[in-house]
Amino acid sequence: MCGCSNIGLAQLISLSVPVLFALYPVAIALVALTFARKYLANPKLAYRVVILVSLSFAMIDAAKVTGIDVSFFNALPLFSVGMGWVMPTVAAIICMCFVGRNDEKLEQEAA
């Protein structure tokens, strides 16, 4: 009986690890966006772009965990340790501090 339950647990873990590799970067990006919100030019656009970037690169990390060959992305910093999403996400947050300013904000700054 113990062997049967261990097989079920092993299957559960093998299914949940790629899902976690895909979701935890998005959660961390959301926390980072919360702290950076006052610096974002257009928070609504920034949230969408940064979450899309973090999810895209997290899916690549999740694919690597499942055994898919993604060796093309080995050039990304920290990709070998499952954190290839960090630098693109940080770059997206920094870019979104400058991209997407509304015309109203520009007029207020000029006045």
N, C-alpha and C. Protein backbone atom coordinates (compact mmCIF):
# COMPACT_ATOMS: atom_id res chain seq x y z
N MET A 1 0.80 -1.19 0.00
CA MET A 1 0.00 0.00 0.00
C MET A 1 0.85 1.26 0.00
N CYS A 2 1.92 1.27 0.71
CA CYS A 2 2.76 2.47 0.76
C CYS A 2 3.37 2.78 -0.59
N GLY A 3 3.74 1.77 -1.35
CA GLY A 3 4.33 1.98 -2.66
C GLY A 3 3.35 2.65 -3.61
N CYS A 4 2.07 2.31 -3.50
CA CYS A 4 1.05 2.88 -4.37
C CYS A 4 0.86 4.36 -4.08
N SER A 5 0.85 4.74 -2.84
CA SER A 5 0.67 6.15 -2.51
C SER A 5 1.90 6.96 -2.90
N ASN A 6 3.08 6.38 -2.83
CA ASN A 6 4.28 7.09 -3.24
C ASN A 6 4.30 7.33 -4.74
N ILE A 7 3.78 6.38 -5.50
CA ILE A 7 3.70 6.57 -6.95
C ILE A 7 2.76 7.73 -7.27
N GLY A 8 1.64 7.82 -6.58
CA GLY A 8 0.71 8.93 -6.77
C GLY A 8 1.34 10.26 -6.40
N LEU A 9 2.10 10.28 -5.33
CA LEU A 9 2.77 11.50 -4.91
C LEU A 9 3.82 11.92 -5.93
N ALA A 10 4.56 10.96 -6.45
CA ALA A 10 5.58 11.26 -7.46
C ALA A 10 4.94 11.84 -8.72
N GLN A 11 3.79 11.30 -9.11
CA GLN A 11 3.09 11.83 -10.29
C GLN A 11 2.58 13.24 -10.01
N LEU A 12 2.07 13.47 -8.81
CA LEU A 12 1.58 14.79 -8.44
C LEU A 12 2.72 15.81 -8.46
N ILE A 13 3.85 15.45 -7.94
CA ILE A 13 5.00 16.35 -7.94
C ILE A 13 5.49 16.61 -9.35
N SER A 14 5.54 15.58 -10.17
CA SER A 14 6.02 15.76 -11.54
C SER A 14 5.09 16.66 -12.35
N LEU A 15 3.81 16.68 -12.01
CA LEU A 15 2.87 17.58 -12.69
C LEU A 15 2.89 18.99 -12.12
N SER A 16 3.11 19.11 -10.82
CA SER A 16 3.01 20.43 -10.19
C SER A 16 4.27 21.27 -10.37
N VAL A 17 5.43 20.67 -10.52
CA VAL A 17 6.67 21.45 -10.65
C VAL A 17 6.65 22.37 -11.87
N PRO A 18 6.29 21.90 -13.06
CA PRO A 18 6.24 22.85 -14.20
C PRO A 18 5.22 23.97 -13.99
N VAL A 19 4.10 23.64 -13.36
CA VAL A 19 3.08 24.67 -13.10
C VAL A 19 3.64 25.72 -12.15
N LEU A 20 4.33 25.27 -11.12
CA LEU A 20 4.93 26.22 -10.18
C LEU A 20 6.02 27.05 -10.85
N PHE A 21 6.81 26.45 -11.72
CA PHE A 21 7.84 27.19 -12.44
C PHE A 21 7.21 28.24 -13.35
N ALA A 22 6.00 28.03 -13.79
CA ALA A 22 5.32 29.00 -14.64
C ALA A 22 4.62 30.09 -13.83
N LEU A 23 4.19 29.78 -12.62
CA LEU A 23 3.39 30.74 -11.85
C LEU A 23 4.16 31.60 -10.86
N TYR A 24 5.23 31.06 -10.25
CA TYR A 24 5.88 31.87 -9.23
C TYR A 24 6.56 33.11 -9.80
N PRO A 25 7.09 33.11 -11.02
CA PRO A 25 7.64 34.38 -11.54
C PRO A 25 6.57 35.46 -11.71
N VAL A 26 5.37 35.06 -12.08
CA VAL A 26 4.28 36.02 -12.23
C VAL A 26 3.93 36.63 -10.88
N ALA A 27 3.89 35.80 -9.85
CA ALA A 27 3.59 36.30 -8.51
C ALA A 27 4.68 37.27 -8.03
N ILE A 28 5.93 36.93 -8.28
CA ILE A 28 7.03 37.81 -7.87
C ILE A 28 6.99 39.11 -8.67
N ALA A 29 6.66 39.04 -9.96
CA ALA A 29 6.54 40.24 -10.78
C ALA A 29 5.42 41.15 -10.28
N LEU A 30 4.32 40.56 -9.84
CA LEU A 30 3.22 41.36 -9.29
C LEU A 30 3.65 42.09 -8.03
N VAL A 31 4.40 41.42 -7.18
CA VAL A 31 4.90 42.07 -5.95
C VAL A 31 5.85 43.21 -6.32
N ALA A 32 6.75 42.96 -7.27
CA ALA A 32 7.69 44.00 -7.70
C ALA A 32 6.95 45.20 -8.31
N LEU A 33 5.92 44.92 -9.09
CA LEU A 33 5.13 46.01 -9.68
C LEU A 33 4.41 46.83 -8.62
N THR A 34 3.99 46.18 -7.56
CA THR A 34 3.32 46.89 -6.47
C THR A 34 4.28 47.90 -5.84
N PHE A 35 5.53 47.50 -5.64
CA PHE A 35 6.51 48.41 -5.07
C PHE A 35 6.91 49.51 -6.05
N ALA A 36 6.89 49.23 -7.34
CA ALA A 36 7.32 50.20 -8.35
C ALA A 36 6.17 51.02 -8.92
N ARG A 37 4.97 50.82 -8.45
CA ARG A 37 3.79 51.44 -9.06
C ARG A 37 3.89 52.96 -9.17
N LYS A 38 4.41 53.63 -8.17
CA LYS A 38 4.45 55.09 -8.22
C LYS A 38 5.44 55.62 -9.26
N TYR A 39 6.35 54.76 -9.73
CA TYR A 39 7.32 55.17 -10.73
C TYR A 39 6.87 54.83 -12.15
N LEU A 40 5.80 54.08 -12.29
CA LEU A 40 5.34 53.64 -13.61
C LEU A 40 4.58 54.76 -14.31
N ALA A 41 4.91 54.96 -15.57
CA ALA A 41 4.27 56.02 -16.35
C ALA A 41 2.79 55.71 -16.61
N ASN A 42 2.49 54.48 -16.92
CA ASN A 42 1.12 54.05 -17.18
C ASN A 42 0.96 52.69 -16.51
N PRO A 43 0.50 52.68 -15.25
CA PRO A 43 0.45 51.42 -14.50
C PRO A 43 -0.35 50.31 -15.17
N LYS A 44 -1.46 50.65 -15.79
CA LYS A 44 -2.30 49.62 -16.41
C LYS A 44 -1.53 48.92 -17.53
N LEU A 45 -0.88 49.68 -18.39
CA LEU A 45 -0.07 49.11 -19.47
C LEU A 45 1.13 48.37 -18.90
N ALA A 46 1.75 48.93 -17.88
CA ALA A 46 2.94 48.31 -17.28
C ALA A 46 2.61 46.94 -16.71
N TYR A 47 1.51 46.83 -15.99
CA TYR A 47 1.12 45.54 -15.42
C TYR A 47 0.95 44.51 -16.53
N ARG A 48 0.29 44.89 -17.60
CA ARG A 48 0.04 43.94 -18.69
C ARG A 48 1.34 43.49 -19.35
N VAL A 49 2.21 44.44 -19.64
CA VAL A 49 3.46 44.12 -20.34
C VAL A 49 4.38 43.28 -19.46
N VAL A 50 4.57 43.70 -18.22
CA VAL A 50 5.50 43.00 -17.33
C VAL A 50 5.00 41.59 -17.03
N ILE A 51 3.72 41.43 -16.80
CA ILE A 51 3.18 40.09 -16.53
C ILE A 51 3.33 39.22 -17.77
N LEU A 52 3.10 39.78 -18.95
CA LEU A 52 3.28 39.02 -20.19
C LEU A 52 4.74 38.58 -20.37
N VAL A 53 5.66 39.47 -20.10
CA VAL A 53 7.09 39.14 -20.22
C VAL A 53 7.47 38.07 -19.21
N SER A 54 7.08 38.26 -17.96
CA SER A 54 7.45 37.27 -16.94
C SER A 54 6.81 35.91 -17.21
N LEU A 55 5.57 35.90 -17.67
CA LEU A 55 4.91 34.63 -17.98
C LEU A 55 5.56 33.95 -19.18
N SER A 56 5.93 34.73 -20.19
CA SER A 56 6.55 34.15 -21.38
C SER A 56 7.87 33.45 -21.04
N PHE A 57 8.71 34.14 -20.29
CA PHE A 57 10.00 33.54 -19.94
C PHE A 57 9.85 32.47 -18.88
N ALA A 58 8.84 32.57 -18.04
CA ALA A 58 8.57 31.51 -17.06
C ALA A 58 8.11 30.23 -17.76
N MET A 59 7.37 30.38 -18.84
CA MET A 59 6.93 29.20 -19.59
C MET A 59 8.13 28.49 -20.23
N ILE A 60 9.14 29.26 -20.62
CA ILE A 60 10.35 28.66 -21.16
C ILE A 60 11.06 27.86 -20.07
N ASP A 61 11.15 28.44 -18.87
CA ASP A 61 11.74 27.71 -17.74
C ASP A 61 10.94 26.46 -17.40
N ALA A 62 9.62 26.57 -17.46
CA ALA A 62 8.77 25.41 -17.18
C ALA A 62 8.96 24.34 -18.25
N ALA A 63 9.14 24.75 -19.49
CA ALA A 63 9.39 23.78 -20.56
C ALA A 63 10.70 23.05 -20.33
N LYS A 64 11.69 23.77 -19.82
CA LYS A 64 12.98 23.14 -19.53
C LYS A 64 12.83 22.08 -18.44
N VAL A 65 12.00 22.36 -17.45
CA VAL A 65 11.77 21.41 -16.36
C VAL A 65 11.08 20.15 -16.87
N THR A 66 10.21 20.29 -17.85
CA THR A 66 9.51 19.13 -18.38
C THR A 66 10.37 18.29 -19.31
N GLY A 67 11.54 18.80 -19.68
CA GLY A 67 12.44 18.02 -20.52
C GLY A 67 12.52 18.48 -21.96
N ILE A 68 11.84 19.54 -22.30
CA ILE A 68 11.89 20.07 -23.66
C ILE A 68 13.22 20.79 -23.85
N ASP A 69 13.83 20.59 -25.02
CA ASP A 69 15.12 21.21 -25.29
C ASP A 69 14.94 22.70 -25.58
N VAL A 70 15.38 23.53 -24.67
CA VAL A 70 15.34 24.98 -24.84
C VAL A 70 16.75 25.54 -24.69
N SER A 71 17.71 24.81 -25.19
CA SER A 71 19.12 25.20 -25.04
C SER A 71 19.43 26.53 -25.75
N PHE A 72 18.57 26.95 -26.64
CA PHE A 72 18.75 28.24 -27.31
C PHE A 72 18.79 29.39 -26.30
N PHE A 73 18.09 29.24 -25.20
CA PHE A 73 17.97 30.30 -24.20
C PHE A 73 19.07 30.26 -23.14
N ASN A 74 20.06 29.40 -23.31
CA ASN A 74 21.15 29.31 -22.34
C ASN A 74 21.94 30.60 -22.22
N ALA A 75 21.82 31.49 -23.20
CA ALA A 75 22.52 32.77 -23.15
C ALA A 75 21.92 33.72 -22.12
N LEU A 76 20.68 33.46 -21.70
CA LEU A 76 20.05 34.32 -20.68
C LEU A 76 20.75 34.16 -19.34
N PRO A 77 20.99 35.25 -18.65
CA PRO A 77 21.57 35.14 -17.31
C PRO A 77 20.63 34.37 -16.39
N LEU A 78 21.16 33.53 -15.56
CA LEU A 78 20.44 32.73 -14.56
C LEU A 78 19.53 31.65 -15.15
N PHE A 79 19.57 31.44 -16.46
CA PHE A 79 18.71 30.43 -17.07
C PHE A 79 19.07 29.02 -16.59
N SER A 80 20.33 28.80 -16.34
CA SER A 80 20.77 27.46 -15.94
C SER A 80 20.24 27.07 -14.56
N VAL A 81 19.85 28.04 -13.74
CA VAL A 81 19.33 27.74 -12.41
C VAL A 81 17.81 27.95 -12.33
N GLY A 82 17.16 28.04 -13.49
CA GLY A 82 15.70 28.15 -13.51
C GLY A 82 15.17 29.54 -13.24
N MET A 83 16.00 30.55 -13.44
CA MET A 83 15.55 31.92 -13.20
C MET A 83 15.82 32.80 -14.42
N GLY A 84 15.60 32.25 -15.58
CA GLY A 84 15.81 33.00 -16.82
C GLY A 84 14.81 34.12 -17.00
N TRP A 85 13.78 34.16 -16.23
CA TRP A 85 12.75 35.18 -16.32
C TRP A 85 13.13 36.47 -15.59
N VAL A 86 14.13 36.44 -14.73
CA VAL A 86 14.44 37.59 -13.86
C VAL A 86 14.89 38.81 -14.66
N MET A 87 15.91 38.66 -15.48
CA MET A 87 16.44 39.82 -16.20
C MET A 87 15.44 40.41 -17.19
N PRO A 88 14.72 39.61 -17.98
CA PRO A 88 13.71 40.21 -18.86
C PRO A 88 12.60 40.93 -18.09
N THR A 89 12.22 40.39 -16.93
CA THR A 89 11.17 41.02 -16.14
C THR A 89 11.65 42.34 -15.55
N VAL A 90 12.87 42.35 -15.03
CA VAL A 90 13.43 43.59 -14.49
C VAL A 90 13.58 44.63 -15.60
N ALA A 91 14.04 44.20 -16.77
CA ALA A 91 14.17 45.12 -17.90
C ALA A 91 12.80 45.68 -18.32
N ALA A 92 11.78 44.84 -18.29
CA ALA A 92 10.43 45.30 -18.64
C ALA A 92 9.92 46.32 -17.62
N ILE A 93 10.17 46.08 -16.35
CA ILE A 93 9.74 47.04 -15.32
C ILE A 93 10.44 48.37 -15.52
N ILE A 94 11.74 48.34 -15.77
CA ILE A 94 12.49 49.58 -15.98
C ILE A 94 11.99 50.31 -17.22
N CYS A 95 11.78 49.58 -18.30
CA CYS A 95 11.27 50.20 -19.53
C CYS A 95 9.89 50.82 -19.32
N MET A 96 9.07 50.15 -18.55
CA MET A 96 7.71 50.65 -18.35
C MET A 96 7.67 51.87 -17.44
N CYS A 97 8.78 52.20 -16.80
CA CYS A 97 8.85 53.46 -16.05
C CYS A 97 8.89 54.65 -17.00
N PHE A 98 9.29 54.42 -18.24
CA PHE A 98 9.44 55.49 -19.21
C PHE A 98 8.45 55.42 -20.36
N VAL A 99 7.94 54.24 -20.65
CA VAL A 99 7.06 54.03 -21.80
C VAL A 99 5.61 54.15 -21.35
N GLY A 100 4.81 54.80 -22.18
CA GLY A 100 3.38 54.83 -21.93
C GLY A 100 2.89 56.04 -21.18
N ARG A 101 3.66 57.11 -21.21
CA ARG A 101 3.18 58.32 -20.53
C ARG A 101 1.97 58.88 -21.27
N ASN A 102 0.99 59.31 -20.51
CA ASN A 102 -0.20 59.92 -21.10
C ASN A 102 0.12 61.36 -21.50
N ASP A 103 -0.59 61.89 -22.47
CA ASP A 103 -0.39 63.27 -22.89
C ASP A 103 -0.69 64.24 -21.75
N GLU A 104 -1.65 63.89 -20.89
CA GLU A 104 -1.99 64.75 -19.76
C GLU A 104 -0.80 64.90 -18.82
N LYS A 105 -0.10 63.80 -18.56
CA LYS A 105 1.06 63.86 -17.69
C LYS A 105 2.16 64.73 -18.30
N LEU A 106 2.34 64.61 -19.62
CA LEU A 106 3.36 65.40 -20.29
C LEU A 106 3.00 66.88 -20.23
N GLU A 107 1.71 67.22 -20.39
CA GLU A 107 1.28 68.61 -20.31
C GLU A 107 1.46 69.16 -18.90
N GLN A 108 1.18 68.33 -17.89
CA GLN A 108 1.35 68.78 -16.51
C GLN A 108 2.82 69.01 -16.19
N GLU A 109 3.71 68.18 -16.73
CA GLU A 109 5.14 68.36 -16.48
C GLU A 109 5.67 69.59 -17.19
N ALA A 110 5.11 69.91 -18.37
CA ALA A 110 5.58 71.06 -19.13
C ALA A 110 5.12 72.36 -18.49
N ALA A 111 4.01 72.31 -17.77
CA ALA A 111 3.45 73.55 -17.19
C ALA A 111 4.20 73.99 -15.96
